[in-house]
Amino acid sequence: MIFINPRGAPELACDHCGCRWVDRTNGNHCYECGSEITTAAIEEFQQALVEFSAKGAGQQDNAK
């Protein structure tokens, strides 16, 4: 699950409980409920980061 924070950046959250505290360095598990964060969810989040980064680059170009 991906949330968008108030500044527009994506945040990865647990699909089962919605917790945003995810440990991707120790087995990809949620701190709250212990559910595994799937590879597909991580890939979706990484794509959202790429898209967010591209939007930010476009906004910087417009500010010049």
C-alpha atoms as a PDB file:
ATOM      1  CA  MET A   1       0.000   0.000   0.000  1.00  0.00           C
ATOM      2  CA  ILE A   2       1.310   3.434  -0.836  1.00  0.00           C
ATOM      3  CA  PHE A   3       0.318   6.601   0.987  1.00  0.00           C
ATOM      4  CA  ILE A   4       1.115  10.086  -0.265  1.00  0.00           C
ATOM      5  CA  ASN A   5       2.430  12.312   2.501  1.00  0.00           C
ATOM      6  CA  PRO A   6       1.495  16.015   2.787  1.00  0.00           C
ATOM      7  CA  ARG A   7       4.474  17.042   0.644  1.00  0.00           C
ATOM      8  CA  GLY A   8       3.383  14.658  -2.110  1.00  0.00           C
ATOM      9  CA  ALA A   9       6.020  11.967  -1.569  1.00  0.00           C
ATOM     10  CA  PRO A  10       5.039   8.304  -1.568  1.00  0.00           C
ATOM     11  CA  GLU A  11       5.349   6.237   1.616  1.00  0.00           C
ATOM     12  CA  LEU A  12       5.292   2.447   1.716  1.00  0.00           C
ATOM     13  CA  ALA A  13       2.806   0.941   4.179  1.00  0.00           C
ATOM     14  CA  CYS A  14       1.737  -2.544   5.172  1.00  0.00           C
ATOM     15  CA  ASP A  15      -1.068  -3.995   3.028  1.00  0.00           C
ATOM     16  CA  HIS A  16      -2.510  -5.764   6.074  1.00  0.00           C
ATOM     17  CA  CYS A  17      -2.636  -3.132   8.825  1.00  0.00           C
ATOM     18  CA  GLY A  18      -1.653   0.128   7.100  1.00  0.00           C
ATOM     19  CA  CYS A  19       1.346   0.705   9.359  1.00  0.00           C
ATOM     20  CA  ARG A  20       3.999   2.861   7.719  1.00  0.00           C
ATOM     21  CA  TRP A  21       6.796   1.377   9.827  1.00  0.00           C
ATOM     22  CA  VAL A  22       8.245  -1.205   7.500  1.00  0.00           C
ATOM     23  CA  ASP A  23      11.616  -2.871   8.014  1.00  0.00           C
ATOM     24  CA  ARG A  24      12.960  -3.559   4.532  1.00  0.00           C
ATOM     25  CA  THR A  25      16.439  -4.367   5.842  1.00  0.00           C
ATOM     26  CA  ASN A  26      15.439  -7.320   8.036  1.00  0.00           C
ATOM     27  CA  GLY A  27      13.203  -9.647   6.076  1.00  0.00           C
ATOM     28  CA  ASN A  28      10.712  -7.098   4.692  1.00  0.00           C
ATOM     29  CA  HIS A  29       8.238  -7.241   7.567  1.00  0.00           C
ATOM     30  CA  CYS A  30       5.848  -4.767   9.152  1.00  0.00           C
ATOM     31  CA  TYR A  31       6.843  -3.652  12.643  1.00  0.00           C
ATOM     32  CA  GLU A  32       3.189  -3.510  13.764  1.00  0.00           C
ATOM     33  CA  CYS A  33       1.672  -6.825  12.619  1.00  0.00           C
ATOM     34  CA  GLY A  34       4.685  -8.782  11.346  1.00  0.00           C
ATOM     35  CA  SER A  35       3.228  -9.344   7.867  1.00  0.00           C
ATOM     36  CA  GLU A  36       5.684  -9.705   5.035  1.00  0.00           C
ATOM     37  CA  ILE A  37       5.982  -6.786   2.641  1.00  0.00           C
ATOM     38  CA  THR A  38       5.863  -8.398  -0.782  1.00  0.00           C
ATOM     39  CA  THR A  39       8.362  -7.871  -3.561  1.00  0.00           C
ATOM     40  CA  ALA A  40       5.505  -6.556  -5.717  1.00  0.00           C
ATOM     41  CA  ALA A  41       4.661  -3.893  -3.094  1.00  0.00           C
ATOM     42  CA  ILE A  42       8.296  -2.823  -2.896  1.00  0.00           C
ATOM     43  CA  GLU A  43       8.531  -2.617  -6.695  1.00  0.00           C
ATOM     44  CA  GLU A  44       5.332  -0.534  -6.816  1.00  0.00           C
ATOM     45  CA  PHE A  45       6.793   1.794  -4.182  1.00  0.00           C
ATOM     46  CA  GLN A  46      10.077   2.114  -6.095  1.00  0.00           C
ATOM     47  CA  GLN A  47       8.122   3.056  -9.236  1.00  0.00           C
ATOM     48  CA  ALA A  48       6.179   5.661  -7.250  1.00  0.00           C
ATOM     49  CA  LEU A  49       9.508   7.109  -6.061  1.00  0.00           C
ATOM     50  CA  VAL A  50      10.784   7.326  -9.641  1.00  0.00           C
ATOM     51  CA  GLU A  51       7.595   9.136 -10.695  1.00  0.00           C
ATOM     52  CA  PHE A  52       7.784  11.484  -7.694  1.00  0.00           C
ATOM     53  CA  SER A  53      11.418  12.250  -8.480  1.00  0.00           C
ATOM     54  CA  ALA A  54      10.580  12.984 -12.114  1.00  0.00           C
ATOM     55  CA  LYS A  55       7.814  15.384 -11.052  1.00  0.00           C
ATOM     56  CA  GLY A  56      10.244  17.160  -8.716  1.00  0.00           C
ATOM     57  CA  ALA A  57      12.785  17.562 -11.491  1.00  0.00           C
ATOM     58  CA  GLY A  58      10.108  19.064 -13.722  1.00  0.00           C
ATOM     59  CA  GLN A  59       9.069  21.511 -11.025  1.00  0.00           C
ATOM     60  CA  GLN A  60      12.675  22.618 -10.547  1.00  0.00           C
ATOM     61  CA  ASP A  61      13.018  23.236 -14.269  1.00  0.00           C
ATOM     62  CA  ASN A  62       9.855  25.379 -14.202  1.00  0.00           C
ATOM     63  CA  ALA A  63      11.201  27.447 -11.302  1.00  0.00           C
ATOM     64  CA  LYS A  64      14.219  28.619 -13.295  1.00  0.00           C
END
